[in-house]
Amino acid sequence: MEEPLADADGNAVGEEELHEERKRRLLRESARADLLLRRLSTINPFVHRTPVTLAEALKMCLTSWTLVPLRVLCLAGVVCTTAITAKLALFGTNHQDLLARPLSGWRALVPRFALPLAARLVLYCFGFHYVKTIGKPSPVAPIVVSNHPSMFEPLWLYYVFHASMVGKAELAALPDPFGLLARAVQPIFVARDNPTSRRDTVNDISRRALSYHRAYTAAHPVLNDDQEEDEDEDEDDVQQNHEEEEKGRIEKEQIGIEEEGEADDKVPITAPVWPRVALFPEGTNTNGSCLISFRIGAFIPGLPVQPVVVSYPYAFFDPSAAGISALWLCFRAMCQFHNFMTVTYLPVYYPNRKERRDPKLFARNVRRYMARMMSLPTTEHSYDDVALQIAATKNSKQHFPGAKAVIEVVKMQEELSEYMDLSRETLMKCLAKFMEMDVDASGEISFSEFLEGLSLPNNTVTRRLFARLDVDGNGQLDLREFITGMAMLTGHSDLTEYVQLLHEIGIQ
């Protein structure tokens, strides 16, 4: 006896009703895919924008034998002198001591004065003789968040705020004097191969930020905003807030993040006070053309943040670090007679109740605020885009254009999550298959490459299928269209039926 047909919800239906349900589902999926691909940004924030021109090459030839050696000597002198000072300050301490508590007593003079001065001198060696500033840094916010176009703005933020930052654990193991200096600034070290690294990093950020916040608020009492807001809430609002707080608490427990009260118990009021925490929520370098998606680590503590916007006006060389090696960036920066940096300190952003409960909302609103002040667009690119771009260029024997692998991963993950798990591993597999099919390494797949790569015949069904996946109608599939098409085809095992349904609903 044949089992009765059922729709997506498991309800028994007739064959005709099931057919109509499939058509409606396909129409929704197709409309969603079309909308997604048309809304994806055309900006690539990971390409370098100033190639070496003839005039620039001549200038580099001149300065590499005159100006650059002088700057390298000055840089070496600054590094060595600072390393000796740091060595004295760290004498008698170990790695665990540096992670557990800030330097105190006479040792604290090094991170408060010697290291910030060295950071400013290093910037001077790279041609940043004058830095234009707009606004003023505020002592109120325990967390500073900034965009991250280059490797130079961390030096400036350390010079101004003496702040704790986040760095790879490998920095501490670098040979001296570089490893010594990395340990002396007492960053929050992240071990990417450690499964608990994210939880530990967030807890360290919260612990240090709360240390500063408690010390500042104790010295500068302010009105308790929570009490003031509670007076205006009715019973329904209070109940909803309790439910949302419980949901947020459970989510934090699932990833092992401590609640504020738990962190308070570990930071007694008499403990040495950590400096502020400076973070770059974009998580990677960009060329400054937009603000990409923010990671939420800086916003989980729910404390006030001071947004800082950094830009690098340029005429001949863009000092942004996207799409350029660190060594080549340093050399070209030293070849310039002067480099420009503009730092804008925005007013402190105080999170409201909803933002304190929802770090993602907090991060989105701060990013929107910074983008509006910068007059820049926002995109949903992330470090996963950088990883795809690196993989495309490193694993290609035919010089695959890495820029074609930048697909705005976060937005695609949000829109296609119900159809396909777009983890980094899945994206890498999709990229590998795409590059395998792209025989001429053009960054796009033609119809013939599509047929050959998937071992499909050339017939009406495959021509209509390719036309459906080719949303922009240029006769080629790029990586975005390829991944979106694969996601949309998930659950459709019969291509002939799929194409027939497309034809019936008028898409093809």
Foldseek 3Di string as FASTA:
>chain_A
DDDADAAPVRDGDHPVVNLVNVLVVLVVLLVLLLVLVVPADPDDFQAFDFDQDPVNVVLLVVCVVPQLVVLVVQLVVLLVVLLVLLCVLCPPHDLVVLQQAPRDDPSNCSLVPSLLVSLVSNVVSLFAPDAAEADDDDLQALEAEEAAQAPNVVSVCCNRFSAAEEDAPVQCVDDPPRNSSVSSSSHHHAHPVDPLRLQSSLQSLLLQSVLSNVQVCVVPPDDDVVVVVVVPDDPVRVVVLVVLLVVLVVVCVVSPHDANVVSCVVRDNPGDHHTGYYYHQLADHTLPQAAAAGDLSNQQSQTKYKYKYKAWDDDRGRLGDRNHDPVVSSSSSSSDNHTYMYMYTDDIDHDDSVCNSPSNVVRVVVRVVVCVVVVHYYAHFHVLLVVQLVCQQVVDPQRQRSSLSRGSPRSCCVSLVVQDRPDSVNSNVLSVLQRVLPVNSDQWHALVSVCVSVVHDPDPLSVLLQCSLPSVRPRIHHSSSSVSSVSSCRVPPDSVVVSVSCVVVPND
